[in-house]
Amino acid sequence: MTNAERAKQFMPFAALKGFEDAIKESEFVPEERILLGEDAQEELDHKLRELSIGDTVTVVYYKNKQYVQLTGPLTGIDSLHNTLHICDTIVPIHDLYNLKR
């Protein structure tokens, strides 16, 4: 028996394929979307109007039932689709929770 064959018999294997992924999924606790009040919406709208392409921004937005924070240069503003382009990520404006320059 070669060393490679001998090593194969001691290699770990997953007896229950996908079990670890299922455990990770069950640990995920979805967050509820927080609805912004009028004052917070106005403040966010004011911040959006002051943005320029190339600004470094930090946004907190709702994605896949959780809040995600993203920091990077603003590469585009699509007013037709109401989205911000930060690096290679498209962030819908209606999912924004917070915005910092």
Protein backbone atom coordinates (compact mmCIF):
# COMPACT_ATOMS: atom_id res chain seq x y z
CA MET A 1 0.00 0.00 0.00
CA THR A 2 1.42 3.40 -1.01
CA ASN A 3 1.55 6.34 1.34
CA ALA A 4 -1.17 8.12 -0.68
CA GLU A 5 -3.52 5.13 -0.36
CA ARG A 6 -2.78 4.84 3.33
CA ALA A 7 -3.52 8.55 3.86
CA LYS A 8 -6.91 8.22 2.10
CA GLN A 9 -8.24 5.85 4.72
CA PHE A 10 -7.64 8.42 7.47
CA MET A 11 -9.09 11.43 5.60
CA PRO A 12 -12.22 12.87 7.21
CA PHE A 13 -15.50 12.71 5.33
CA ALA A 14 -18.93 14.17 5.87
CA ALA A 15 -21.31 11.34 6.67
CA LEU A 16 -24.27 13.68 6.37
CA LYS A 17 -23.73 15.75 3.25
CA GLY A 18 -25.01 19.31 3.74
CA PHE A 19 -25.48 18.87 7.49
CA GLU A 20 -23.01 21.65 8.37
CA ASP A 21 -24.75 24.03 5.96
CA ALA A 22 -28.12 23.19 7.50
CA ILE A 23 -26.75 23.91 10.97
CA LYS A 24 -25.41 27.29 9.82
CA GLU A 25 -28.78 28.13 8.24
CA SER A 26 -30.65 27.26 11.41
CA GLU A 27 -28.34 29.56 13.41
CA PHE A 28 -29.30 32.53 11.20
CA VAL A 29 -31.92 34.72 12.84
CA PRO A 30 -33.64 36.98 10.30
CA GLU A 31 -34.01 40.63 11.22
CA GLU A 32 -37.21 42.53 10.66
CA ARG A 33 -37.06 45.58 8.42
CA ILE A 34 -37.12 48.83 10.38
CA LEU A 35 -39.43 51.44 8.93
CA LEU A 36 -37.94 54.92 9.08
CA GLY A 37 -39.95 57.79 10.51
CA GLU A 38 -40.60 60.98 8.57
CA ASP A 39 -37.67 62.83 10.14
CA ALA A 40 -35.24 60.00 9.38
CA GLN A 41 -36.52 59.76 5.80
CA GLU A 42 -36.04 63.51 5.29
CA GLU A 43 -32.52 63.35 6.73
CA LEU A 44 -31.64 60.42 4.47
CA ASP A 45 -33.11 62.26 1.46
CA HIS A 46 -31.01 65.33 2.31
CA LYS A 47 -27.85 63.20 2.51
CA LEU A 48 -28.67 61.55 -0.84
CA ARG A 49 -29.03 64.94 -2.55
CA GLU A 50 -25.55 65.99 -1.36
CA LEU A 51 -23.79 62.92 -2.78
CA SER A 52 -21.36 63.14 -5.68
CA ILE A 53 -19.72 60.46 -7.76
CA GLY A 54 -16.40 59.53 -6.15
CA ASP A 55 -17.48 60.27 -2.57
CA THR A 56 -16.54 57.55 -0.11
CA VAL A 57 -19.74 56.47 1.60
CA THR A 58 -20.80 54.00 4.26
CA VAL A 59 -24.31 52.66 3.89
CA VAL A 60 -26.38 50.33 6.03
CA TYR A 61 -29.09 48.62 4.01
CA TYR A 62 -31.51 45.70 4.25
CA LYS A 63 -30.56 42.64 2.21
CA ASN A 64 -31.62 39.01 2.55
CA LYS A 65 -33.46 39.58 5.84
CA GLN A 66 -30.51 41.24 7.55
CA TYR A 67 -28.81 44.63 7.71
CA VAL A 68 -25.52 44.90 5.85
CA GLN A 69 -22.89 47.64 6.07
CA LEU A 70 -20.90 48.60 2.99
CA THR A 71 -18.14 51.19 2.64
CA GLY A 72 -16.62 52.29 -0.64
CA PRO A 73 -16.52 54.92 -3.35
CA LEU A 74 -19.81 55.94 -4.92
CA THR A 75 -19.47 54.95 -8.57
CA GLY A 76 -22.96 55.81 -9.76
CA ILE A 77 -26.45 57.05 -8.95
CA ASP A 78 -29.27 55.61 -11.05
CA SER A 79 -32.31 57.83 -10.57
CA LEU A 80 -34.36 55.76 -13.04
CA HIS A 81 -34.04 52.58 -10.97
CA ASN A 82 -33.49 54.41 -7.62
CA THR A 83 -30.19 52.69 -6.88
CA LEU A 84 -26.74 53.63 -5.66
CA HIS A 85 -23.67 51.95 -7.13
CA ILE A 86 -20.93 51.49 -4.55
CA CYS A 87 -17.91 49.69 -5.99
CA ASP A 88 -19.55 46.75 -7.80
CA THR A 89 -22.59 46.58 -5.51
CA ILE A 90 -26.01 47.94 -6.42
CA VAL A 91 -27.94 49.20 -3.40
CA PRO A 92 -31.66 49.98 -3.83
CA ILE A 93 -32.44 53.33 -2.23
CA HIS A 94 -35.64 52.00 -0.67
CA ASP A 95 -33.52 49.47 1.31
CA LEU A 96 -31.27 52.16 2.84
CA TYR A 97 -31.31 52.52 6.60
CA ASN A 98 -28.34 54.84 7.11
CA LEU A 99 -25.86 56.77 4.99
CA LYS A 100 -22.59 58.45 6.00
CA ARG A 101 -20.11 60.41 3.91
